[in-house]
N, C-alpha and C. Protein backbone atom coordinates (compact mmCIF):
# COMPACT_ATOMS: atom_id res chain seq x y z
N MET A 1 0.83 -1.40 0.01
CA MET A 1 -0.02 -0.37 -0.06
C MET A 1 0.95 1.27 -0.20
N GLN A 2 1.63 1.29 0.59
CA GLN A 2 2.36 2.50 0.83
C GLN A 2 3.51 2.60 -0.50
N ASN A 3 4.03 1.66 -0.71
CA ASN A 3 4.50 1.68 -2.23
C ASN A 3 3.47 2.34 -3.44
N LYS A 4 2.49 2.04 -3.42
CA LYS A 4 1.78 2.37 -3.98
C LYS A 4 1.14 3.58 -4.16
N ILE A 5 0.94 4.06 -2.67
CA ILE A 5 0.93 5.37 -2.42
C ILE A 5 1.96 6.21 -3.53
N LEU A 6 3.35 6.18 -2.95
CA LEU A 6 4.56 6.60 -3.10
C LEU A 6 4.47 6.76 -4.72
N THR A 7 4.40 5.52 -5.66
CA THR A 7 4.37 5.48 -6.86
C THR A 7 3.33 6.83 -7.43
N LYS A 8 2.11 6.64 -6.96
CA LYS A 8 1.10 7.93 -7.20
C LYS A 8 1.52 9.09 -7.19
N ARG A 9 2.27 9.39 -6.14
CA ARG A 9 2.29 10.70 -5.53
C ARG A 9 3.57 11.17 -6.49
N LEU A 10 4.77 10.35 -6.57
CA LEU A 10 5.90 10.85 -7.64
C LEU A 10 5.48 11.01 -9.57
N LYS A 11 4.56 10.07 -9.14
CA LYS A 11 4.15 10.44 -11.02
C LYS A 11 3.40 11.55 -11.02
N GLU A 12 2.39 12.40 -9.72
CA GLU A 12 2.24 13.28 -10.08
C GLU A 12 2.92 14.58 -9.94
N PHE A 13 4.04 14.41 -9.21
CA PHE A 13 4.98 15.02 -8.77
C PHE A 13 5.70 15.72 -10.25
N LYS A 14 6.31 14.51 -10.61
CA LYS A 14 7.02 14.90 -11.91
C LYS A 14 6.20 15.41 -13.11
N LYS A 15 4.78 15.18 -13.09
CA LYS A 15 4.04 15.87 -13.88
C LYS A 15 3.68 17.63 -13.88
N PHE A 16 3.48 17.72 -12.77
CA PHE A 16 3.51 19.09 -11.91
C PHE A 16 4.83 19.19 -11.91
N ASN A 17 5.82 18.93 -11.77
CA ASN A 17 7.27 19.43 -11.98
C ASN A 17 7.67 19.97 -13.76
N LYS A 18 6.88 18.87 -14.41
CA LYS A 18 7.19 19.52 -15.63
C LYS A 18 6.54 21.15 -16.16
N GLN A 19 5.71 20.31 -15.79
CA GLN A 19 4.42 21.81 -16.29
C GLN A 19 5.05 23.23 -15.89
N PHE A 20 5.50 23.08 -14.53
CA PHE A 20 5.86 24.30 -13.52
C PHE A 20 6.77 24.93 -14.54
N VAL A 21 7.81 23.92 -14.72
CA VAL A 21 9.38 24.80 -15.64
C VAL A 21 8.99 24.75 -16.34
N THR A 22 8.37 24.03 -17.61
CA THR A 22 7.73 24.05 -19.14
C THR A 22 7.00 25.76 -19.16
N HIS A 23 6.23 25.95 -18.13
CA HIS A 23 5.17 27.36 -18.56
C HIS A 23 5.83 28.23 -17.19
N LYS A 24 6.81 28.14 -17.26
CA LYS A 24 7.57 29.63 -15.87
C LYS A 24 6.75 29.65 -14.85
N LYS A 25 5.68 28.68 -14.23
CA LYS A 25 4.87 28.80 -13.46
C LYS A 25 5.66 30.16 -12.43
N ASP A 26 5.03 31.19 -11.89
CA ASP A 26 5.30 31.88 -10.48
C ASP A 26 4.22 32.52 -9.80
N SER A 27 2.87 31.94 -10.26
CA SER A 27 1.73 32.74 -9.17
C SER A 27 1.71 32.24 -8.05
N ILE A 28 0.86 32.80 -7.28
CA ILE A 28 1.21 32.45 -5.52
C ILE A 28 0.54 30.84 -5.70
N LYS A 29 -0.28 30.74 -6.18
CA LYS A 29 -1.24 29.66 -6.33
C LYS A 29 -0.50 28.45 -6.42
N SER A 30 0.42 28.83 -7.89
CA SER A 30 1.88 27.58 -8.11
C SER A 30 2.82 27.22 -7.39
N ILE A 31 2.88 28.24 -6.71
CA ILE A 31 4.07 28.26 -5.44
C ILE A 31 3.46 27.18 -4.20
N HIS A 32 2.26 27.52 -3.89
CA HIS A 32 1.99 26.93 -2.99
C HIS A 32 1.01 25.41 -3.44
N ASN A 33 1.02 25.40 -4.33
CA ASN A 33 0.90 23.98 -4.66
C ASN A 33 1.74 23.34 -5.16
N LEU A 34 3.07 24.02 -5.88
CA LEU A 34 4.06 23.05 -5.41
C LEU A 34 4.86 22.56 -4.06
N ARG A 35 4.54 23.44 -2.99
CA ARG A 35 5.09 23.21 -1.59
C ARG A 35 3.97 22.15 -1.23
N ILE A 36 2.61 21.66 -1.40
CA ILE A 36 1.86 21.01 -1.05
C ILE A 36 2.44 19.48 -1.66
N HIS A 37 2.82 19.49 -3.39
CA HIS A 37 3.41 18.41 -3.50
C HIS A 37 4.84 18.19 -3.04
N CYS A 38 5.27 18.85 -2.66
CA CYS A 38 6.52 18.45 -2.02
C CYS A 38 6.25 17.53 -0.69
N ARG A 39 5.61 18.51 0.34
CA ARG A 39 5.55 18.12 1.25
C ARG A 39 4.99 16.67 1.59
N GLU A 40 3.99 16.31 0.74
CA GLU A 40 3.01 15.25 0.69
C GLU A 40 4.43 13.69 0.02
N LEU A 41 5.00 14.39 -1.13
CA LEU A 41 5.58 13.62 -1.48
C LEU A 41 6.88 13.13 -0.06
N SER A 42 7.68 14.36 0.18
CA SER A 42 8.82 14.02 1.40
C SER A 42 8.12 12.92 2.10
N SER A 43 6.91 13.09 2.89
CA SER A 43 5.90 12.54 4.08
C SER A 43 6.24 11.01 3.61
N LEU A 44 6.54 10.36 2.48
CA LEU A 44 6.66 8.96 1.90
C LEU A 44 7.66 8.64 2.03
N LEU A 45 8.90 9.49 1.85
CA LEU A 45 10.21 8.97 1.14
C LEU A 45 11.32 8.85 2.36
N SER A 46 12.04 8.24 2.40
CA SER A 46 12.49 8.17 3.65
C SER A 46 13.97 8.86 3.36
N PRO A 47 14.41 9.54 4.21
CA PRO A 47 15.85 10.24 4.40
C PRO A 47 16.86 9.48 3.88
N GLU A 48 16.69 8.42 3.30
CA GLU A 48 17.98 7.59 2.77
C GLU A 48 17.55 7.50 1.26
N ASN A 49 16.50 7.60 0.83
CA ASN A 49 16.35 7.85 -0.47
C ASN A 49 16.84 8.77 -1.31
N PRO A 50 17.13 9.09 -2.13
CA PRO A 50 18.25 10.09 -2.41
C PRO A 50 17.21 11.13 -3.05
N PHE A 51 16.10 11.02 -3.70
CA PHE A 51 15.61 12.14 -3.80
C PHE A 51 15.04 12.79 -2.87
N TYR A 52 14.90 12.33 -1.65
CA TYR A 52 14.49 13.11 -0.66
C TYR A 52 15.21 14.51 0.09
N THR A 53 16.26 14.07 -0.23
CA THR A 53 17.01 15.16 -0.06
C THR A 53 16.98 16.58 -0.90
N GLN A 54 16.81 16.28 -2.34
CA GLN A 54 16.17 17.08 -3.23
C GLN A 54 14.86 17.84 -3.17
N VAL A 55 14.36 17.18 -2.49
CA VAL A 55 12.68 17.56 -2.19
C VAL A 55 13.02 18.38 -1.20
N LYS A 56 13.57 18.06 -0.66
CA LYS A 56 13.52 19.31 1.08
C LYS A 56 14.28 20.29 0.60
N LYS A 57 15.44 20.18 -0.12
CA LYS A 57 16.14 21.35 -0.47
C LYS A 57 14.76 22.88 -1.69
N LEU A 58 14.21 21.72 -2.64
CA LEU A 58 13.04 22.36 -3.32
C LEU A 58 11.85 23.47 -2.20
N ILE A 59 11.46 22.15 -1.26
CA ILE A 59 10.67 23.39 0.29
C ILE A 59 11.54 24.52 0.24
N LYS A 60 13.07 24.56 0.63
CA LYS A 60 13.77 25.10 1.21
C LYS A 60 13.38 26.46 0.27
N ALA A 61 14.13 26.41 -0.82
CA ALA A 61 13.98 26.99 -1.85
C ALA A 61 13.03 27.96 -2.17
N SER A 62 11.90 27.08 -1.81
CA SER A 62 10.55 28.37 -1.93
C SER A 62 10.31 28.82 -0.43
N ASN A 63 10.72 28.72 0.32
CA ASN A 63 10.01 28.94 1.82
C ASN A 63 10.05 30.74 1.52
N ALA A 64 11.42 31.44 0.85
CA ALA A 64 11.18 32.87 0.85
C ALA A 64 10.16 33.44 0.06
N ILE A 65 9.73 32.48 -1.13
CA ILE A 65 8.83 33.19 -1.94
C ILE A 65 7.53 33.15 -1.48
N ARG A 66 7.10 32.39 -0.84
CA ARG A 66 6.04 31.90 0.11
C ARG A 66 6.06 32.50 0.96
N ASP A 67 7.12 33.17 1.76
CA ASP A 67 6.93 34.34 2.74
C ASP A 67 6.74 35.64 2.26
N MET A 68 7.10 35.45 0.86
CA MET A 68 7.00 37.18 0.58
C MET A 68 5.66 37.40 -0.35
N ASP A 69 5.32 36.27 -0.65
CA ASP A 69 3.98 36.44 -0.65
C ASP A 69 2.55 36.46 0.36
N VAL A 70 2.91 35.87 1.56
CA VAL A 70 2.20 36.32 2.49
C VAL A 70 2.14 37.52 3.46
N PHE A 71 3.35 37.92 3.11
CA PHE A 71 3.43 39.64 3.52
C PHE A 71 3.09 40.01 2.96
N LEU A 72 2.84 40.62 1.75
CA LEU A 72 2.39 41.42 0.33
C LEU A 72 0.71 40.87 0.79
N THR A 73 0.42 39.80 0.56
CA THR A 73 -1.15 39.93 0.40
C THR A 73 -1.89 39.22 1.87
N VAL A 74 -1.62 39.15 2.40
CA VAL A 74 -2.24 38.77 4.28
C VAL A 74 -1.61 39.82 5.27
N TYR A 75 -0.07 39.77 5.33
CA TYR A 75 0.34 40.47 6.54
C TYR A 75 0.00 42.03 6.65
N LEU A 76 0.78 42.39 5.27
CA LEU A 76 0.37 43.99 5.37
C LEU A 76 -1.31 44.39 5.22
N PRO A 77 -1.86 43.90 4.26
CA PRO A 77 -3.35 44.24 4.52
C PRO A 77 -3.64 43.93 5.94
N SER A 78 -3.65 43.04 6.39
CA SER A 78 -4.21 43.30 7.92
C SER A 78 -3.83 43.98 9.11
N LEU A 79 -2.64 44.83 8.59
CA LEU A 79 -2.29 46.07 9.45
C LEU A 79 -3.62 47.11 9.88
N PRO A 80 -3.92 47.69 10.73
CA PRO A 80 -4.55 48.70 10.65
C PRO A 80 -4.19 50.20 9.83
N LYS A 81 -5.26 50.63 9.39
CA LYS A 81 -5.27 51.81 8.39
C LYS A 81 -4.14 53.05 8.53
N ASP A 82 -4.15 53.13 10.06
CA ASP A 82 -3.72 54.12 10.70
C ASP A 82 -1.69 53.55 10.32
N TYR A 83 -1.64 52.67 10.51
CA TYR A 83 -0.41 52.01 10.51
C TYR A 83 -0.09 52.31 8.75
N LYS A 84 -0.91 51.73 8.28
CA LYS A 84 -0.16 51.76 6.93
C LYS A 84 -0.24 52.77 6.34
N LYS A 85 -1.01 54.00 6.58
CA LYS A 85 -0.85 55.12 6.30
C LYS A 85 0.99 55.84 6.73
N GLN A 86 0.92 55.32 7.05
CA GLN A 86 2.96 55.78 7.58
C GLN A 86 3.60 54.91 7.04
N LEU A 87 3.56 53.86 6.56
CA LEU A 87 4.11 53.30 5.77
C LEU A 87 4.34 53.58 3.97
N ASP A 88 5.53 53.41 3.61
CA ASP A 88 6.07 53.34 1.80
C ASP A 88 5.54 52.16 1.21
N ILE A 89 4.17 51.90 1.35
CA ILE A 89 4.17 50.27 0.76
C ILE A 89 4.30 50.29 -0.69
N LYS A 90 4.06 51.26 -1.65
CA LYS A 90 4.97 51.02 -2.78
C LYS A 90 6.29 51.18 -2.83
N SER A 91 7.22 51.48 -2.05
CA SER A 91 8.47 51.16 -2.26
C SER A 91 8.54 49.80 -1.92
N ILE A 92 8.12 49.44 -0.54
CA ILE A 92 7.96 47.97 0.04
C ILE A 92 7.67 47.26 -0.56
N LYS A 93 6.53 47.10 -1.12
CA LYS A 93 6.37 46.38 -2.53
C LYS A 93 6.94 46.26 -3.92
N LYS A 94 7.55 47.29 -3.90
CA LYS A 94 8.59 47.00 -5.15
C LYS A 94 9.84 46.18 -4.89
N SER A 95 10.02 46.66 -3.65
CA SER A 95 11.49 46.00 -3.07
C SER A 95 11.27 44.41 -3.24
N ILE A 96 10.03 44.04 -2.48
CA ILE A 96 10.11 42.57 -2.46
C ILE A 96 9.69 42.05 -3.83
N LEU A 97 8.94 42.27 -4.21
CA LEU A 97 8.66 41.48 -5.69
C LEU A 97 9.83 41.48 -6.84
N LYS A 98 10.69 42.67 -6.63
CA LYS A 98 12.22 42.11 -7.26
C LYS A 98 13.10 41.31 -6.58
N LYS A 99 12.68 40.79 -5.27
CA LYS A 99 13.52 39.66 -4.66
C LYS A 99 12.65 38.61 -5.24
N ARG A 100 11.42 38.77 -5.18
CA ARG A 100 10.87 37.61 -5.66
C ARG A 100 11.22 37.08 -6.57
N LYS A 101 11.42 37.91 -7.83
CA LYS A 101 11.56 37.72 -9.08
C LYS A 101 12.65 36.76 -9.37
N LYS A 102 13.91 37.22 -8.12
CA LYS A 102 15.20 36.58 -8.57
C LYS A 102 14.84 35.31 -7.81
N LYS A 103 14.15 35.22 -6.80
CA LYS A 103 14.29 33.74 -6.27
C LYS A 103 13.33 32.96 -6.91
N VAL A 104 12.56 33.49 -7.76
CA VAL A 104 11.74 32.14 -8.36
C VAL A 104 12.43 31.99 -9.77
N ALA A 105 13.24 32.83 -9.98
CA ALA A 105 14.26 32.40 -11.25
C ALA A 105 15.36 31.34 -10.87
N GLN A 106 15.74 31.21 -9.48
CA GLN A 106 16.36 30.38 -9.17
C GLN A 106 15.35 28.79 -8.76
N LEU A 107 14.45 29.26 -8.26
CA LEU A 107 13.70 27.91 -8.17
C LEU A 107 13.55 27.11 -9.20
N HIS A 108 13.12 28.00 -10.72
CA HIS A 108 13.14 27.32 -11.63
C HIS A 108 14.08 26.41 -12.11
N ALA A 109 15.52 26.93 -12.05
CA ALA A 109 16.66 26.28 -12.05
C ALA A 109 16.88 25.42 -11.79
N TYR A 110 16.38 25.29 -10.38
CA TYR A 110 16.59 24.12 -9.76
C TYR A 110 15.71 23.10 -10.00
N MET A 111 14.83 23.47 -9.90
CA MET A 111 13.66 22.28 -10.36
C MET A 111 13.79 21.84 -11.80
N HIS A 112 14.33 22.55 -12.84
CA HIS A 112 15.09 22.05 -14.05
C HIS A 112 16.14 21.04 -13.94
N SER A 113 16.89 20.91 -13.04
CA SER A 113 17.73 20.00 -12.80
C SER A 113 17.51 19.04 -11.97
N LEU A 114 16.29 19.08 -11.18
CA LEU A 114 16.05 17.36 -10.39
C LEU A 114 15.98 16.02 -11.34
N ALA A 115 15.99 15.07 -10.82
CA ALA A 115 15.99 13.78 -11.27
C ALA A 115 15.77 12.79 -10.51
N PRO A 116 13.91 12.85 -10.25
CA PRO A 116 13.69 12.25 -9.67
C PRO A 116 14.54 10.60 -9.27
N SER A 117 14.23 9.98 -8.15
CA SER A 117 14.86 8.56 -8.27
C SER A 117 13.68 7.55 -8.79
N LYS A 118 14.57 6.75 -9.80
CA LYS A 118 13.51 5.52 -10.16
C LYS A 118 13.14 4.88 -9.10
N SER A 119 14.63 4.49 -8.00
CA SER A 119 13.79 3.33 -6.62
C SER A 119 12.96 3.84 -5.70
N LEU A 120 12.06 3.05 -5.75
CA LEU A 120 10.80 3.24 -4.56
C LEU A 120 10.90 2.46 -3.53
N ASP A 121 12.15 1.69 -3.07
CA ASP A 121 12.22 0.85 -2.16
C ASP A 121 12.13 1.16 -0.85
N ILE A 122 12.58 2.60 -0.89
CA ILE A 122 12.97 2.96 0.57
C ILE A 122 11.63 3.79 0.72
N ALA A 123 10.74 3.63 1.57
CA ALA A 123 9.67 4.30 1.68
C ALA A 123 9.57 4.35 3.35
N LYS A 124 8.70 5.69 3.57
CA LYS A 124 8.76 5.63 5.43
C LYS A 124 7.36 4.73 5.48
N LYS A 125 7.70 3.95 6.33
CA LYS A 125 6.43 3.11 7.43
C LYS A 125 5.37 4.51 8.02
N VAL A 126 4.17 4.13 7.87
CA VAL A 126 3.37 5.01 8.21
C VAL A 126 3.06 4.50 10.11
N ASN A 127 3.16 5.75 10.65
CA ASN A 127 3.13 5.87 12.13
C ASN A 127 1.78 5.16 12.72
N LYS A 128 0.77 4.49 12.79
CA LYS A 128 -0.43 5.30 13.39
C LYS A 128 -0.74 5.40 14.60
N THR A 129 0.56 5.18 15.57
CA THR A 129 0.15 5.59 17.06
C THR A 129 0.59 6.52 17.35
N SER A 130 0.97 7.72 16.36
CA SER A 130 1.09 9.20 17.04
C SER A 130 0.26 9.53 17.30
N ASP A 131 -0.12 10.73 18.31
CA ASP A 131 -1.32 11.07 18.42
C ASP A 131 -1.53 12.56 18.87
N LYS A 132 -2.00 13.98 18.97
CA LYS A 132 -2.05 14.98 18.95
C LYS A 132 -1.55 15.14 20.67
N ARG A 133 -1.94 14.37 21.26
CA ARG A 133 -1.73 14.24 22.59
C ARG A 133 -0.38 14.08 23.22
N ASP A 134 0.42 13.42 22.25
CA ASP A 134 1.53 13.38 22.58
C ASP A 134 2.48 14.61 22.67
N LEU A 135 2.01 15.47 22.18
CA LEU A 135 2.74 16.19 22.07
C LEU A 135 3.16 17.41 23.37
N SER A 136 4.46 17.95 23.19
CA SER A 136 4.52 18.69 24.63
C SER A 136 3.82 19.82 25.03
N PRO A 137 3.72 20.83 25.96
CA PRO A 137 3.03 21.65 26.39
C PRO A 137 3.48 22.88 25.59
N LEU A 138 2.52 23.82 24.78
CA LEU A 138 2.38 24.53 24.21
C LEU A 138 2.97 26.01 24.58
N VAL A 139 4.01 27.07 24.11
CA VAL A 139 4.76 28.12 24.69
C VAL A 139 4.55 29.11 23.60
N LEU A 140 4.20 30.80 23.76
CA LEU A 140 3.94 31.40 22.66
C LEU A 140 5.64 31.83 22.26
N GLU A 141 6.27 31.07 21.77
CA GLU A 141 7.69 31.50 21.57
C GLU A 141 8.04 30.93 19.84
N LYS A 142 8.43 31.96 18.91
CA LYS A 142 8.45 31.73 17.75
C LYS A 142 9.13 30.26 17.27
N LYS A 143 10.60 29.74 18.07
CA LYS A 143 11.42 28.60 17.98
C LYS A 143 10.66 27.39 18.15
N GLU A 144 9.81 27.51 19.18
CA GLU A 144 9.30 26.62 20.00
C GLU A 144 7.99 26.23 19.50
N LEU A 145 7.60 27.32 18.77
CA LEU A 145 6.19 26.84 18.00
C LEU A 145 6.51 26.67 16.33
N HIS A 146 8.04 26.79 15.84
CA HIS A 146 7.83 26.31 14.79
C HIS A 146 8.08 24.58 14.65
N LYS A 147 8.98 24.62 15.95
CA LYS A 147 9.41 22.98 16.19
C LYS A 147 7.95 22.13 16.14
N TYR A 148 6.92 22.85 16.84
CA TYR A 148 5.67 22.23 17.30
C TYR A 148 4.92 22.04 15.92
N ARG A 149 5.06 23.19 15.27
CA ARG A 149 4.11 22.93 13.94
C ARG A 149 4.83 21.88 12.97
N ILE A 150 5.60 21.81 13.20
CA ILE A 150 7.08 20.44 12.19
C ILE A 150 6.04 19.20 12.54
N ARG A 151 6.41 19.13 13.96
CA ARG A 151 5.95 18.05 14.33
C ARG A 151 4.39 17.87 14.04
N ILE A 152 3.64 18.92 13.90
CA ILE A 152 2.21 18.64 13.66
C ILE A 152 1.79 18.21 11.94
N LYS A 153 2.83 19.05 11.79
CA LYS A 153 2.62 18.60 9.81
C LYS A 153 3.17 17.16 9.78
N LYS A 154 4.01 16.55 10.22
CA LYS A 154 4.63 14.96 9.63
C LYS A 154 3.34 14.35 10.12
N GLN A 155 2.53 14.52 11.67
CA GLN A 155 1.71 14.01 11.94
C GLN A 155 0.88 13.84 11.31
N LEU A 156 0.43 15.42 10.45
CA LEU A 156 -0.91 15.39 9.60
C LEU A 156 -0.52 14.41 8.25
N TYR A 157 0.57 14.63 7.68
CA TYR A 157 0.88 14.32 6.80
C TYR A 157 1.03 11.95 6.69
N LYS A 158 1.28 11.79 7.71
CA LYS A 158 1.04 10.49 8.07
C LYS A 158 -0.41 9.90 8.47
N GLU A 159 -0.69 10.77 9.13
CA GLU A 159 -2.27 10.07 8.90
C GLU A 159 -2.94 10.21 7.54
N LYS A 160 -2.76 11.42 6.65
CA LYS A 160 -3.45 11.46 5.19
C LYS A 160 -2.66 10.03 4.66
N ASN A 161 -1.80 9.52 4.77
CA ASN A 161 -1.05 8.35 4.13
C ASN A 161 -1.54 7.00 4.71
N SER A 162 -2.17 6.97 6.03
CA SER A 162 -2.67 5.78 6.28
C SER A 162 -4.21 5.34 5.73
N ARG A 163 -4.13 4.08 5.95
CA ARG A 163 -5.65 3.54 5.52
C ARG A 163 -6.04 2.71 6.63
N PRO A 164 -7.53 2.63 6.85
CA PRO A 164 -8.59 3.77 6.38
C PRO A 164 -7.84 5.27 7.29
N ARG A 165 -8.27 6.36 6.56
CA ARG A 165 -7.86 7.63 6.93
C ARG A 165 -8.79 7.84 8.53
N ASN A 166 -8.32 8.81 9.23
CA ASN A 166 -9.34 9.65 10.37
C ASN A 166 -9.41 10.28 10.16
N LYS A 167 -10.68 10.95 9.78
CA LYS A 167 -11.12 12.45 9.39
C LYS A 167 -11.15 13.57 10.08
N ASP A 168 -11.62 13.12 11.54
CA ASP A 168 -11.69 13.63 12.03
C ASP A 168 -10.13 14.24 12.67
N LYS A 169 -8.99 13.26 13.22
CA LYS A 169 -7.96 13.89 13.48
C LYS A 169 -7.39 14.37 12.40
N ILE A 170 -7.49 14.36 11.21
CA ILE A 170 -6.82 14.93 9.86
C ILE A 170 -7.67 16.77 10.18
N LYS A 171 -8.72 16.71 10.51
CA LYS A 171 -9.31 18.00 10.43
C LYS A 171 -8.76 18.89 11.96
N THR A 172 -8.41 18.01 12.55
CA THR A 172 -8.14 18.72 13.84
C THR A 172 -6.38 19.19 14.10
N LEU A 173 -5.99 18.24 13.03
CA LEU A 173 -4.11 18.50 12.80
C LEU A 173 -4.01 19.53 11.89
N THR A 174 -4.97 20.10 10.89
CA THR A 174 -5.09 21.02 9.86
C THR A 174 -4.82 22.23 10.57
N GLU A 175 -5.99 22.33 12.09
CA GLU A 175 -6.56 23.48 12.33
C GLU A 175 -5.39 23.75 12.92
N ILE A 176 -4.95 22.90 13.60
CA ILE A 176 -3.92 23.07 14.67
C ILE A 176 -2.54 23.95 13.54
N LYS A 177 -2.21 23.07 12.39
CA LYS A 177 -0.97 23.44 11.47
C LYS A 177 -1.56 24.89 10.78
N ASP A 178 -2.39 25.05 10.73
CA ASP A 178 -2.77 26.59 9.75
C ASP A 178 -3.00 27.29 11.04
N LEU A 179 -3.47 27.41 12.51
CA LEU A 179 -3.57 28.58 13.31
C LEU A 179 -1.82 28.62 13.38
N LEU A 180 -1.00 27.45 13.70
CA LEU A 180 0.19 28.31 14.16
C LEU A 180 0.68 28.58 12.89
N GLY A 181 0.94 28.00 12.26
CA GLY A 181 1.40 28.74 10.55
C GLY A 181 0.72 30.26 10.54
N THR A 182 -0.43 30.81 10.55
CA THR A 182 -0.68 32.29 11.20
C THR A 182 0.10 32.92 11.74
N ILE A 183 0.60 31.96 13.31
CA ILE A 183 1.18 32.83 14.06
C ILE A 183 2.84 33.28 13.26
N ASN A 184 3.29 32.25 12.79
CA ASN A 184 4.95 32.17 12.21
C ASN A 184 4.78 33.23 11.32
N ASP A 185 3.90 33.40 10.23
CA ASP A 185 3.44 34.28 9.33
C ASP A 185 3.64 35.92 9.82
N ASN A 186 3.00 36.16 10.89
CA ASN A 186 2.73 36.88 11.79
C ASN A 186 4.23 37.78 12.09
N TYR A 187 5.16 36.81 12.72
CA TYR A 187 6.36 37.00 13.23
C TYR A 187 7.17 36.90 11.81
N ASN A 188 7.11 36.31 10.97
CA ASN A 188 7.81 37.04 9.89
C ASN A 188 7.85 37.79 8.67
N GLY A 189 6.24 38.33 9.20
CA GLY A 189 5.98 39.54 8.72
C GLY A 189 6.78 40.99 9.57
N LEU A 190 6.46 40.66 10.42
CA LEU A 190 7.08 41.46 11.55
C LEU A 190 8.84 42.05 11.19
N LYS A 191 9.26 40.66 11.31
CA LYS A 191 10.71 40.55 10.62
C LYS A 191 11.08 41.00 9.37
N THR A 192 9.99 41.21 8.34
CA THR A 192 10.15 41.81 7.20
C THR A 192 10.30 43.55 7.40
N LEU A 193 9.38 43.83 8.00
CA LEU A 193 9.03 45.32 8.15
C LEU A 193 10.23 45.73 8.67
N ARG A 194 10.60 45.16 9.58
CA ARG A 194 11.90 45.84 10.35
C ARG A 194 13.40 46.27 9.24
N ARG A 195 13.11 45.64 8.04
CA ARG A 195 13.59 45.65 7.03
C ARG A 195 14.32 47.24 6.70
N TYR A 196 12.92 47.59 6.61
CA TYR A 196 12.58 49.19 5.97
C TYR A 196 13.04 50.25 6.93
N ASN A 197 13.54 50.38 7.90
CA ASN A 197 14.05 51.14 8.66
C ASN A 197 12.55 52.39 9.13
N LEU A 198 11.76 51.70 9.73
CA LEU A 198 10.73 52.26 10.13
C LEU A 198 11.02 53.27 11.21
N LYS A 199 10.44 54.05 11.52
CA LYS A 199 10.34 55.03 12.88
C LYS A 199 10.09 54.01 13.85
N ALA A 200 10.74 54.27 15.24
CA ALA A 200 10.57 53.27 16.60
C ALA A 200 9.38 53.46 17.07
N ASN A 201 8.73 54.64 17.16
CA ASN A 201 7.62 54.32 17.49
C ASN A 201 6.25 53.46 16.60
N LEU A 202 6.87 54.04 15.46
CA LEU A 202 5.56 52.85 14.49
C LEU A 202 5.76 51.19 14.31
N TYR A 203 6.97 51.35 14.00
CA TYR A 203 7.84 49.43 14.38
C TYR A 203 7.30 49.12 15.94
N ASN A 204 7.43 49.80 17.08
CA ASN A 204 6.59 49.54 18.23
C ASN A 204 5.21 49.15 18.48
N GLN A 205 4.49 50.12 17.61
CA GLN A 205 2.86 50.00 17.51
C GLN A 205 2.76 48.70 16.82
N ILE A 206 3.35 48.59 15.87
CA ILE A 206 3.03 47.13 14.63
C ILE A 206 3.28 45.93 15.72
N GLN A 207 4.73 46.09 16.39
CA GLN A 207 5.52 45.13 16.70
C GLN A 207 3.99 44.94 18.23
N ASP A 208 3.72 45.42 18.57
CA ASP A 208 2.48 45.66 20.04
C ASP A 208 1.40 44.60 19.06
N PHE A 209 0.72 45.64 18.18
CA PHE A 209 -0.89 44.96 17.71
C PHE A 209 -0.13 43.23 17.10
N THR A 210 0.72 43.13 16.39
CA THR A 210 1.11 41.81 15.93
C THR A 210 1.43 40.76 17.11
N GLN A 211 1.81 41.44 18.25
CA GLN A 211 1.95 39.86 19.47
C GLN A 211 0.28 40.07 19.92
N GLU A 212 -0.38 41.18 20.13
CA GLU A 212 -1.90 40.75 20.21
C GLU A 212 -2.43 39.95 19.47
N GLN A 213 -2.70 39.92 18.22
CA GLN A 213 -2.98 39.26 17.40
C GLN A 213 -2.74 37.47 17.49
N ASN A 214 -1.58 37.79 17.93
CA ASN A 214 -0.49 36.28 17.89
C ASN A 214 -1.32 35.27 19.23
N GLU A 215 -1.36 36.50 20.55
CA GLU A 215 -2.02 35.69 21.53
C GLU A 215 -3.61 35.27 21.17
N LYS A 216 -4.10 36.11 20.47
CA LYS A 216 -5.69 35.32 19.95
C LYS A 216 -5.51 34.03 19.46
N ILE A 217 -4.41 34.23 18.61
CA ILE A 217 -4.95 33.50 18.09
C ILE A 217 -3.66 31.63 18.69
N PHE A 218 -3.11 31.90 19.94
CA PHE A 218 -2.70 31.06 20.42
C PHE A 218 -3.33 30.71 21.45
N LEU A 219 -4.78 31.59 21.86
CA LEU A 219 -5.32 30.51 22.71
C LEU A 219 -6.28 29.93 21.75
N ALA A 220 -6.70 30.14 20.51
CA ALA A 220 -7.25 29.32 19.84
C ALA A 220 -6.47 27.79 19.90
N VAL A 221 -5.39 28.06 19.89
CA VAL A 221 -4.64 26.43 19.58
C VAL A 221 -4.58 25.91 21.02
N GLN A 222 -4.57 26.58 22.07
CA GLN A 222 -4.60 25.75 23.17
C GLN A 222 -6.09 25.33 23.14
N LYS A 223 -7.48 25.43 23.03
CA LYS A 223 -8.66 25.11 23.09
C LYS A 223 -8.72 23.78 22.22
N ILE A 224 -8.05 23.96 21.11
CA ILE A 224 -8.27 22.83 20.00
C ILE A 224 -7.27 21.92 20.67
N THR A 225 -6.22 22.08 21.27
CA THR A 225 -5.23 20.84 21.90
C THR A 225 -5.42 20.65 23.36
N THR A 226 -6.39 20.93 24.14
CA THR A 226 -6.99 20.71 25.11
C THR A 226 -7.82 19.83 25.34
N LEU A 227 -8.54 19.95 24.23
CA LEU A 227 -9.79 18.65 23.58
C LEU A 227 -10.11 17.34 23.72
């Protein structure tokens, strides 16, 4: 069963990769779909499989692009109008889009060089015993939440690759993953803004706003994880 799933995912990935490179895709949706394909495939491959490393590098290469997309389409728009009026939004967007274009070109170059392994012998075994109750207590701290989110993702993909699927568990893990992702995006958004020489007072106000939003989201995560 495991190798059948892996064979299917690899076939889908190869097709997606070819279309992505051939048509030089660069949209937010295309980058998002690429990351989904990569994470689904990496969850099935063993670290001993040569292609696992390539897929992980591809995910890493897309991280910066994804962060820029979220910053421009989610984080900036989420800021109060009074704060946005004090920002040089046009200049910030121009700078980020320039960096994004360069990162996308690097991503395409790497994807063009990918050589999917023909060996499907080395696949991970699905661990059906893992449960969200095994996770350690949460704290609102970026590095710790990042580690926690990675664990959630691993459990989520294991569950998605299990047969039969536990739909309720998949739904719960997805909710936790998305909430933690939003907290992480807010932290990254604040970090990005810091590079644009904001006035100290304005930055501190935005920092306080971001922290307040993260605290609200964190409470929602705690409610889910204590059910």
